[in-house]
């Protein structure tokens, strides 16, 4: 990994996201499965040790882990804790606030108005969406998730 702190963080996030995507979406042998799970846990442990107090890392790793926490060998409450800590460290950050409100409980009827308002503000914020897009495939996936959250909560609120 690079010595550049921000690049290092992005590298870890991209690697972790790609490995998890492979584990969730692709077909593979038992040996490959075990290899990639161990690799995922290794990169997760290394990165968490380095960035446990970095709100950007906590938000993104919480988001990534929410799609397959069992692969990380963590519980849902740990994901919620990461997202909460990110939001507490940067309380004015729309993305982190949305993450803490939307990801831990994804049921449409829970916090619907706040989910809708925050997701709408994120989507309409060109600077923020541009920063998210810089995360590559991870950013694209996140923006799709936010867009879907916005559409589904919007429909729920109008019915």
N, C-alpha and C. Protein backbone atom coordinates (compact mmCIF):
# COMPACT_ATOMS: atom_id res chain seq x y z
N UNK A 1 0.83 -1.19 0.00
CA UNK A 1 0.00 0.00 0.00
C UNK A 1 0.88 1.26 0.00
N UNK A 2 0.32 2.31 -0.52
CA UNK A 2 1.04 3.57 -0.63
C UNK A 2 1.25 4.21 0.74
N UNK A 3 2.24 5.09 0.81
CA UNK A 3 2.45 5.84 2.04
C UNK A 3 1.48 7.00 2.14
N UNK A 4 0.98 7.50 1.03
CA UNK A 4 0.02 8.59 1.01
C UNK A 4 -1.23 8.13 1.76
N UNK A 5 -1.56 8.83 2.86
CA UNK A 5 -2.63 8.41 3.76
C UNK A 5 -3.98 8.27 3.05
N UNK A 6 -4.38 9.28 2.27
CA UNK A 6 -5.67 9.23 1.58
C UNK A 6 -5.71 8.15 0.52
N UNK A 7 -4.63 8.01 -0.21
CA UNK A 7 -4.54 6.97 -1.25
C UNK A 7 -4.58 5.59 -0.59
N UNK A 8 -3.89 5.45 0.51
CA UNK A 8 -3.87 4.20 1.26
C UNK A 8 -5.29 3.82 1.69
N UNK A 9 -6.03 4.77 2.21
CA UNK A 9 -7.40 4.53 2.65
C UNK A 9 -8.25 4.09 1.46
N UNK A 10 -8.14 4.82 0.34
CA UNK A 10 -8.91 4.46 -0.85
C UNK A 10 -8.53 3.08 -1.38
N UNK A 11 -7.24 2.76 -1.34
CA UNK A 11 -6.79 1.45 -1.79
C UNK A 11 -7.45 0.34 -0.97
N UNK A 12 -7.42 0.50 0.34
CA UNK A 12 -8.04 -0.50 1.21
C UNK A 12 -9.53 -0.64 0.90
N UNK A 13 -10.23 0.48 0.79
CA UNK A 13 -11.66 0.43 0.54
C UNK A 13 -11.96 -0.26 -0.79
N UNK A 14 -11.20 0.07 -1.82
CA UNK A 14 -11.42 -0.54 -3.13
C UNK A 14 -11.15 -2.05 -3.10
N UNK A 15 -10.06 -2.44 -2.47
CA UNK A 15 -9.72 -3.87 -2.40
C UNK A 15 -10.79 -4.63 -1.63
N UNK A 16 -11.18 -4.10 -0.49
CA UNK A 16 -12.20 -4.76 0.33
C UNK A 16 -13.52 -4.87 -0.42
N UNK A 17 -13.92 -3.77 -1.07
CA UNK A 17 -15.17 -3.79 -1.83
C UNK A 17 -15.11 -4.81 -2.96
N UNK A 18 -14.00 -4.85 -3.69
CA UNK A 18 -13.88 -5.78 -4.82
C UNK A 18 -13.88 -7.23 -4.35
N UNK A 19 -13.19 -7.51 -3.25
CA UNK A 19 -13.18 -8.89 -2.74
C UNK A 19 -14.58 -9.30 -2.29
N UNK A 20 -15.26 -8.41 -1.57
CA UNK A 20 -16.60 -8.74 -1.11
C UNK A 20 -17.55 -8.92 -2.29
N UNK A 21 -17.44 -8.06 -3.28
CA UNK A 21 -18.28 -8.19 -4.47
C UNK A 21 -18.05 -9.54 -5.14
N UNK A 22 -16.80 -9.94 -5.23
CA UNK A 22 -16.47 -11.26 -5.79
C UNK A 22 -17.13 -12.37 -4.98
N UNK A 23 -17.01 -12.30 -3.66
CA UNK A 23 -17.57 -13.34 -2.80
C UNK A 23 -19.09 -13.41 -2.91
N UNK A 24 -19.74 -12.28 -3.04
CA UNK A 24 -21.20 -12.23 -3.07
C UNK A 24 -21.75 -12.56 -4.46
N UNK A 25 -21.08 -12.12 -5.50
CA UNK A 25 -21.65 -12.18 -6.84
C UNK A 25 -21.14 -13.30 -7.74
N UNK A 26 -19.97 -13.83 -7.49
CA UNK A 26 -19.35 -14.77 -8.42
C UNK A 26 -19.43 -16.21 -7.92
N UNK A 27 -19.16 -17.12 -8.83
CA UNK A 27 -19.04 -18.54 -8.48
C UNK A 27 -17.56 -18.87 -8.34
N UNK A 28 -17.25 -19.71 -7.38
CA UNK A 28 -15.85 -20.04 -7.11
C UNK A 28 -15.79 -21.35 -6.35
N UNK A 29 -14.60 -21.91 -6.29
CA UNK A 29 -14.40 -23.17 -5.58
C UNK A 29 -14.33 -22.92 -4.07
N UNK A 30 -14.41 -23.98 -3.31
CA UNK A 30 -14.30 -23.90 -1.84
C UNK A 30 -12.94 -23.31 -1.45
N UNK A 31 -11.88 -23.71 -2.15
CA UNK A 31 -10.53 -23.19 -1.86
C UNK A 31 -10.46 -21.69 -2.13
N UNK A 32 -11.03 -21.26 -3.26
CA UNK A 32 -11.05 -19.83 -3.57
C UNK A 32 -11.87 -19.07 -2.54
N UNK A 33 -12.99 -19.64 -2.18
CA UNK A 33 -13.86 -19.03 -1.17
C UNK A 33 -13.08 -18.78 0.12
N UNK A 34 -12.43 -19.81 0.61
CA UNK A 34 -11.66 -19.67 1.86
C UNK A 34 -10.51 -18.68 1.71
N UNK A 35 -9.82 -18.73 0.57
CA UNK A 35 -8.72 -17.80 0.32
C UNK A 35 -9.21 -16.35 0.36
N UNK A 36 -10.30 -16.07 -0.35
CA UNK A 36 -10.78 -14.68 -0.42
C UNK A 36 -11.40 -14.20 0.89
N UNK A 37 -12.00 -15.10 1.64
CA UNK A 37 -12.50 -14.70 2.96
C UNK A 37 -11.33 -14.31 3.87
N UNK A 38 -10.30 -15.10 3.87
CA UNK A 38 -9.12 -14.78 4.69
C UNK A 38 -8.46 -13.48 4.24
N UNK A 39 -8.40 -13.28 2.93
CA UNK A 39 -7.83 -12.04 2.39
C UNK A 39 -8.69 -10.83 2.79
N UNK A 40 -9.99 -10.98 2.72
CA UNK A 40 -10.91 -9.92 3.13
C UNK A 40 -10.71 -9.58 4.60
N UNK A 41 -10.66 -10.59 5.44
CA UNK A 41 -10.47 -10.36 6.88
C UNK A 41 -9.12 -9.70 7.15
N UNK A 42 -8.09 -10.09 6.42
CA UNK A 42 -6.75 -9.50 6.58
C UNK A 42 -6.78 -8.01 6.26
N UNK A 43 -7.34 -7.66 5.10
CA UNK A 43 -7.38 -6.25 4.71
C UNK A 43 -8.31 -5.44 5.62
N UNK A 44 -9.40 -6.06 6.05
CA UNK A 44 -10.30 -5.37 6.98
C UNK A 44 -9.58 -5.09 8.29
N UNK A 45 -8.90 -6.08 8.85
CA UNK A 45 -8.18 -5.90 10.12
C UNK A 45 -7.08 -4.85 10.00
N UNK A 46 -6.29 -4.94 8.95
CA UNK A 46 -5.21 -3.96 8.74
C UNK A 46 -5.77 -2.55 8.63
N UNK A 47 -6.79 -2.38 7.82
CA UNK A 47 -7.33 -1.05 7.58
C UNK A 47 -8.04 -0.52 8.82
N UNK A 48 -8.76 -1.38 9.52
CA UNK A 48 -9.46 -0.92 10.72
C UNK A 48 -8.45 -0.47 11.78
N UNK A 49 -7.35 -1.18 11.89
CA UNK A 49 -6.29 -0.80 12.83
C UNK A 49 -5.76 0.59 12.49
N UNK A 50 -5.56 0.86 11.21
CA UNK A 50 -5.00 2.14 10.76
C UNK A 50 -6.00 3.29 10.80
N UNK A 51 -7.26 3.00 10.52
CA UNK A 51 -8.23 4.08 10.27
C UNK A 51 -9.45 4.05 11.19
N UNK A 52 -9.35 3.44 12.35
CA UNK A 52 -10.50 3.28 13.24
C UNK A 52 -11.10 4.60 13.72
N UNK A 53 -10.36 5.68 13.59
CA UNK A 53 -10.88 6.99 14.01
C UNK A 53 -11.06 7.94 12.84
N UNK A 54 -11.05 7.41 11.62
CA UNK A 54 -11.22 8.21 10.42
C UNK A 54 -12.68 8.10 9.98
N UNK A 55 -13.43 9.20 10.01
CA UNK A 55 -14.85 9.10 9.67
C UNK A 55 -15.14 8.62 8.25
N UNK A 56 -14.30 9.00 7.31
CA UNK A 56 -14.50 8.54 5.93
C UNK A 56 -14.38 7.02 5.86
N UNK A 57 -13.34 6.49 6.48
CA UNK A 57 -13.16 5.05 6.50
C UNK A 57 -14.34 4.37 7.20
N UNK A 58 -14.72 4.88 8.36
CA UNK A 58 -15.79 4.25 9.14
C UNK A 58 -17.10 4.22 8.36
N UNK A 59 -17.40 5.32 7.66
CA UNK A 59 -18.62 5.33 6.86
C UNK A 59 -18.55 4.28 5.75
N UNK A 60 -17.50 4.35 4.94
CA UNK A 60 -17.42 3.45 3.79
C UNK A 60 -17.29 1.99 4.19
N UNK A 61 -16.50 1.69 5.21
CA UNK A 61 -16.36 0.29 5.61
C UNK A 61 -17.66 -0.21 6.23
N UNK A 62 -18.38 0.67 6.94
CA UNK A 62 -19.69 0.30 7.46
C UNK A 62 -20.67 -0.01 6.35
N UNK A 63 -20.64 0.83 5.31
CA UNK A 63 -21.51 0.61 4.16
C UNK A 63 -21.15 -0.70 3.46
N UNK A 64 -19.87 -0.90 3.20
CA UNK A 64 -19.43 -2.13 2.52
C UNK A 64 -19.81 -3.36 3.35
N UNK A 65 -19.48 -3.34 4.63
CA UNK A 65 -19.74 -4.50 5.49
C UNK A 65 -21.23 -4.79 5.63
N UNK A 66 -22.07 -3.77 5.46
CA UNK A 66 -23.52 -3.99 5.60
C UNK A 66 -24.07 -4.91 4.51
N UNK A 67 -23.30 -5.13 3.46
CA UNK A 67 -23.77 -6.02 2.40
C UNK A 67 -23.31 -7.47 2.61
N UNK A 68 -22.55 -7.70 3.67
CA UNK A 68 -22.08 -9.07 3.94
C UNK A 68 -21.27 -9.14 5.21
N UNK A 69 -21.85 -8.71 6.31
CA UNK A 69 -21.11 -8.64 7.58
C UNK A 69 -20.54 -9.98 8.02
N UNK A 70 -21.21 -11.07 7.65
CA UNK A 70 -20.73 -12.40 8.03
C UNK A 70 -19.35 -12.70 7.44
N UNK A 71 -19.05 -12.12 6.29
CA UNK A 71 -17.72 -12.34 5.70
C UNK A 71 -16.62 -11.65 6.51
N UNK A 72 -16.98 -10.58 7.20
CA UNK A 72 -16.02 -9.82 8.00
C UNK A 72 -15.88 -10.38 9.41
N UNK A 73 -16.77 -11.33 9.73
CA UNK A 73 -16.82 -11.90 11.07
C UNK A 73 -17.15 -10.83 12.12
N UNK A 74 -18.10 -9.97 11.76
CA UNK A 74 -18.57 -8.94 12.69
C UNK A 74 -20.08 -9.02 12.78
N UNK A 75 -20.62 -8.36 13.78
CA UNK A 75 -22.07 -8.35 13.97
C UNK A 75 -22.64 -7.02 13.49
N UNK A 76 -23.94 -7.02 13.26
CA UNK A 76 -24.62 -5.83 12.74
C UNK A 76 -24.41 -4.63 13.66
N UNK A 77 -24.39 -4.84 14.97
CA UNK A 77 -24.22 -3.72 15.91
C UNK A 77 -22.86 -3.05 15.73
N UNK A 78 -21.86 -3.79 15.25
CA UNK A 78 -20.55 -3.19 14.98
C UNK A 78 -20.61 -2.28 13.76
N UNK A 79 -21.39 -2.65 12.78
CA UNK A 79 -21.59 -1.79 11.61
C UNK A 79 -22.29 -0.51 12.05
N UNK A 80 -23.32 -0.66 12.82
CA UNK A 80 -24.05 0.51 13.33
C UNK A 80 -23.12 1.42 14.13
N UNK A 81 -22.25 0.83 14.92
CA UNK A 81 -21.29 1.59 15.72
C UNK A 81 -20.32 2.38 14.83
N UNK A 82 -19.85 1.77 13.75
CA UNK A 82 -18.95 2.45 12.82
C UNK A 82 -19.65 3.65 12.18
N UNK A 83 -20.88 3.43 11.73
CA UNK A 83 -21.63 4.50 11.08
C UNK A 83 -21.97 5.61 12.06
N UNK A 84 -22.29 5.25 13.29
CA UNK A 84 -22.58 6.25 14.31
C UNK A 84 -21.33 7.07 14.61
N UNK A 85 -20.20 6.42 14.75
CA UNK A 85 -18.96 7.12 15.05
C UNK A 85 -18.59 8.09 13.93
N UNK A 86 -18.75 7.66 12.67
CA UNK A 86 -18.47 8.55 11.54
C UNK A 86 -19.36 9.79 11.61
N UNK A 87 -20.65 9.58 11.88
CA UNK A 87 -21.59 10.70 11.96
C UNK A 87 -21.29 11.61 13.15
N UNK A 88 -20.84 11.03 14.24
CA UNK A 88 -20.50 11.84 15.43
C UNK A 88 -19.21 12.64 15.21
N UNK A 89 -18.24 12.04 14.52
CA UNK A 89 -16.98 12.73 14.26
C UNK A 89 -17.16 13.90 13.29
N UNK A 90 -18.11 13.75 12.36
CA UNK A 90 -18.40 14.83 11.40
C UNK A 90 -19.92 15.00 11.30
N UNK A 91 -20.52 15.62 12.32
CA UNK A 91 -21.99 15.70 12.37
C UNK A 91 -22.63 16.50 11.24
N UNK A 92 -21.88 17.36 10.58
CA UNK A 92 -22.44 18.15 9.48
C UNK A 92 -22.31 17.46 8.12
N UNK A 93 -21.72 16.28 8.10
CA UNK A 93 -21.52 15.57 6.84
C UNK A 93 -22.82 14.85 6.46
N UNK A 94 -23.43 15.29 5.37
CA UNK A 94 -24.70 14.71 4.91
C UNK A 94 -24.61 13.21 4.68
N UNK A 95 -23.54 12.79 4.05
CA UNK A 95 -23.37 11.38 3.71
C UNK A 95 -23.29 10.52 4.96
N UNK A 96 -22.54 10.95 5.93
CA UNK A 96 -22.38 10.17 7.17
C UNK A 96 -23.68 10.15 7.97
N UNK A 97 -24.39 11.29 7.98
CA UNK A 97 -25.70 11.34 8.67
C UNK A 97 -26.68 10.39 7.98
N UNK A 98 -26.72 10.46 6.63
CA UNK A 98 -27.59 9.55 5.89
C UNK A 98 -27.24 8.10 6.21
N UNK A 99 -25.95 7.78 6.22
CA UNK A 99 -25.52 6.41 6.48
C UNK A 99 -25.97 5.90 7.83
N UNK A 100 -25.84 6.74 8.84
CA UNK A 100 -26.23 6.32 10.19
C UNK A 100 -27.74 6.14 10.31
N UNK A 101 -28.50 6.95 9.58
CA UNK A 101 -29.97 6.86 9.64
C UNK A 101 -30.50 5.74 8.74
N UNK A 102 -29.86 5.54 7.59
CA UNK A 102 -30.42 4.63 6.58
C UNK A 102 -29.91 3.21 6.61
N UNK A 103 -28.65 3.02 6.87
CA UNK A 103 -28.06 1.68 6.72
C UNK A 103 -28.40 0.72 7.86
N UNK A 104 -28.32 1.14 9.13
CA UNK A 104 -28.58 0.16 10.19
C UNK A 104 -29.99 -0.44 10.17
N UNK A 105 -30.99 0.35 9.79
CA UNK A 105 -32.35 -0.18 9.71
C UNK A 105 -32.92 0.22 8.36
N UNK A 106 -32.89 -0.69 7.41
CA UNK A 106 -33.27 -0.37 6.04
C UNK A 106 -34.75 -0.56 5.77
N UNK A 107 -35.52 -0.86 6.81
CA UNK A 107 -36.96 -0.98 6.60
C UNK A 107 -37.51 0.38 6.16
N UNK A 108 -38.32 0.37 5.15
CA UNK A 108 -38.80 1.61 4.54
C UNK A 108 -39.57 2.50 5.52
N UNK A 109 -40.27 1.88 6.46
CA UNK A 109 -41.11 2.65 7.38
C UNK A 109 -40.33 3.28 8.54
N UNK A 110 -39.05 3.00 8.64
CA UNK A 110 -38.24 3.53 9.74
C UNK A 110 -37.46 4.76 9.26
N UNK A 111 -37.66 5.87 9.93
CA UNK A 111 -36.98 7.13 9.61
C UNK A 111 -37.19 7.57 8.16
N UNK A 112 -38.33 7.29 7.61
CA UNK A 112 -38.59 7.53 6.19
C UNK A 112 -38.37 8.98 5.77
N UNK A 113 -38.93 9.91 6.52
CA UNK A 113 -38.79 11.32 6.14
C UNK A 113 -37.34 11.76 6.15
N UNK A 114 -36.61 11.39 7.17
CA UNK A 114 -35.20 11.79 7.27
C UNK A 114 -34.37 11.11 6.19
N UNK A 115 -34.63 9.83 5.93
CA UNK A 115 -33.93 9.12 4.86
C UNK A 115 -34.17 9.82 3.52
N UNK A 116 -35.42 10.17 3.28
CA UNK A 116 -35.77 10.82 2.03
C UNK A 116 -35.08 12.18 1.90
N UNK A 117 -35.18 12.99 2.93
CA UNK A 117 -34.59 14.34 2.88
C UNK A 117 -33.06 14.29 2.72
N UNK A 118 -32.40 13.44 3.48
CA UNK A 118 -30.94 13.36 3.39
C UNK A 118 -30.50 12.80 2.03
N UNK A 119 -31.17 11.75 1.56
CA UNK A 119 -30.78 11.18 0.26
C UNK A 119 -31.02 12.19 -0.85
N UNK A 120 -32.10 12.95 -0.77
CA UNK A 120 -32.39 13.99 -1.77
C UNK A 120 -31.31 15.07 -1.76
N UNK A 121 -30.91 15.50 -0.58
CA UNK A 121 -29.87 16.52 -0.48
C UNK A 121 -28.53 16.01 -1.01
N UNK A 122 -28.24 14.75 -0.78
CA UNK A 122 -26.99 14.18 -1.31
C UNK A 122 -27.04 14.16 -2.83
N UNK A 123 -28.13 13.65 -3.39
CA UNK A 123 -28.27 13.54 -4.85
C UNK A 123 -28.18 14.91 -5.52
N UNK A 124 -28.72 15.93 -4.87
CA UNK A 124 -28.73 17.27 -5.45
C UNK A 124 -27.42 18.04 -5.23
N UNK A 125 -26.52 17.48 -4.43
CA UNK A 125 -25.26 18.15 -4.11
C UNK A 125 -24.18 17.67 -5.07
N UNK A 126 -23.92 18.48 -6.11
CA UNK A 126 -22.96 18.09 -7.14
C UNK A 126 -21.56 17.86 -6.59
N UNK A 127 -21.13 18.67 -5.64
CA UNK A 127 -19.79 18.50 -5.06
C UNK A 127 -19.69 17.17 -4.33
N UNK A 128 -20.69 16.85 -3.55
CA UNK A 128 -20.69 15.59 -2.80
C UNK A 128 -20.78 14.38 -3.73
N UNK A 129 -21.67 14.43 -4.71
CA UNK A 129 -21.77 13.29 -5.63
C UNK A 129 -20.49 13.12 -6.44
N UNK A 130 -19.83 14.23 -6.75
CA UNK A 130 -18.55 14.15 -7.45
C UNK A 130 -17.50 13.46 -6.60
N UNK A 131 -17.47 13.79 -5.29
CA UNK A 131 -16.52 13.12 -4.39
C UNK A 131 -16.82 11.64 -4.26
N UNK A 132 -18.09 11.30 -4.21
CA UNK A 132 -18.48 9.88 -4.11
C UNK A 132 -18.07 9.13 -5.38
N UNK A 133 -18.28 9.75 -6.54
CA UNK A 133 -17.92 9.12 -7.81
C UNK A 133 -16.42 8.84 -7.91
N UNK A 134 -15.61 9.63 -7.21
CA UNK A 134 -14.16 9.42 -7.23
C UNK A 134 -13.77 8.10 -6.56
N UNK A 135 -14.70 7.47 -5.89
CA UNK A 135 -14.45 6.16 -5.26
C UNK A 135 -14.59 5.02 -6.26
N UNK A 136 -14.81 5.34 -7.54
CA UNK A 136 -14.90 4.32 -8.58
C UNK A 136 -16.14 3.46 -8.45
N UNK A 137 -15.96 2.16 -8.61
CA UNK A 137 -17.09 1.22 -8.57
C UNK A 137 -17.81 1.30 -7.22
N UNK A 138 -17.07 1.45 -6.16
CA UNK A 138 -17.67 1.59 -4.83
C UNK A 138 -18.58 2.82 -4.79
N UNK A 139 -18.11 3.93 -5.32
CA UNK A 139 -18.90 5.16 -5.35
C UNK A 139 -20.15 5.01 -6.21
N UNK A 140 -20.01 4.37 -7.35
CA UNK A 140 -21.16 4.13 -8.23
C UNK A 140 -22.21 3.29 -7.50
N UNK A 141 -21.74 2.24 -6.83
CA UNK A 141 -22.66 1.37 -6.09
C UNK A 141 -23.36 2.15 -4.98
N UNK A 142 -22.61 2.98 -4.27
CA UNK A 142 -23.18 3.79 -3.19
C UNK A 142 -24.22 4.76 -3.73
N UNK A 143 -23.91 5.45 -4.83
CA UNK A 143 -24.87 6.39 -5.41
C UNK A 143 -26.14 5.69 -5.87
N UNK A 144 -26.01 4.50 -6.43
CA UNK A 144 -27.19 3.71 -6.82
C UNK A 144 -28.03 3.36 -5.59
N UNK A 145 -27.35 3.01 -4.51
CA UNK A 145 -28.03 2.66 -3.26
C UNK A 145 -28.78 3.89 -2.72
N UNK A 146 -28.13 5.05 -2.73
CA UNK A 146 -28.75 6.29 -2.25
C UNK A 146 -29.94 6.66 -3.13
N UNK A 147 -29.77 6.54 -4.44
CA UNK A 147 -30.86 6.84 -5.38
C UNK A 147 -32.05 5.93 -5.12
N UNK A 148 -31.79 4.65 -4.93
CA UNK A 148 -32.85 3.70 -4.64
C UNK A 148 -33.53 4.04 -3.31
N UNK A 149 -32.75 4.38 -2.31
CA UNK A 149 -33.29 4.78 -1.00
C UNK A 149 -34.21 5.99 -1.17
N UNK A 150 -33.77 6.94 -1.95
CA UNK A 150 -34.55 8.16 -2.18
C UNK A 150 -35.86 7.83 -2.89
N UNK A 151 -35.79 7.03 -3.94
CA UNK A 151 -37.00 6.69 -4.70
C UNK A 151 -37.99 5.88 -3.87
N UNK A 152 -37.49 4.89 -3.16
CA UNK A 152 -38.39 4.02 -2.38
C UNK A 152 -39.00 4.76 -1.20
N UNK A 153 -38.23 5.59 -0.52
CA UNK A 153 -38.82 6.34 0.60
C UNK A 153 -39.76 7.43 0.09
N UNK A 154 -39.43 8.03 -1.06
CA UNK A 154 -40.33 9.03 -1.66
C UNK A 154 -41.68 8.43 -2.00
N UNK A 155 -41.68 7.25 -2.61
CA UNK A 155 -42.93 6.56 -2.94
C UNK A 155 -43.70 6.20 -1.68
N UNK A 156 -42.98 5.71 -0.67
CA UNK A 156 -43.62 5.33 0.59
C UNK A 156 -44.30 6.54 1.23
N UNK A 157 -43.64 7.68 1.21
CA UNK A 157 -44.18 8.87 1.86
C UNK A 157 -45.38 9.47 1.12
N UNK A 158 -45.45 9.23 -0.18
CA UNK A 158 -46.58 9.79 -0.95
C UNK A 158 -47.79 8.86 -0.98
N UNK A 159 -47.65 7.66 -0.47
CA UNK A 159 -48.80 6.73 -0.45
C UNK A 159 -49.55 6.81 0.85
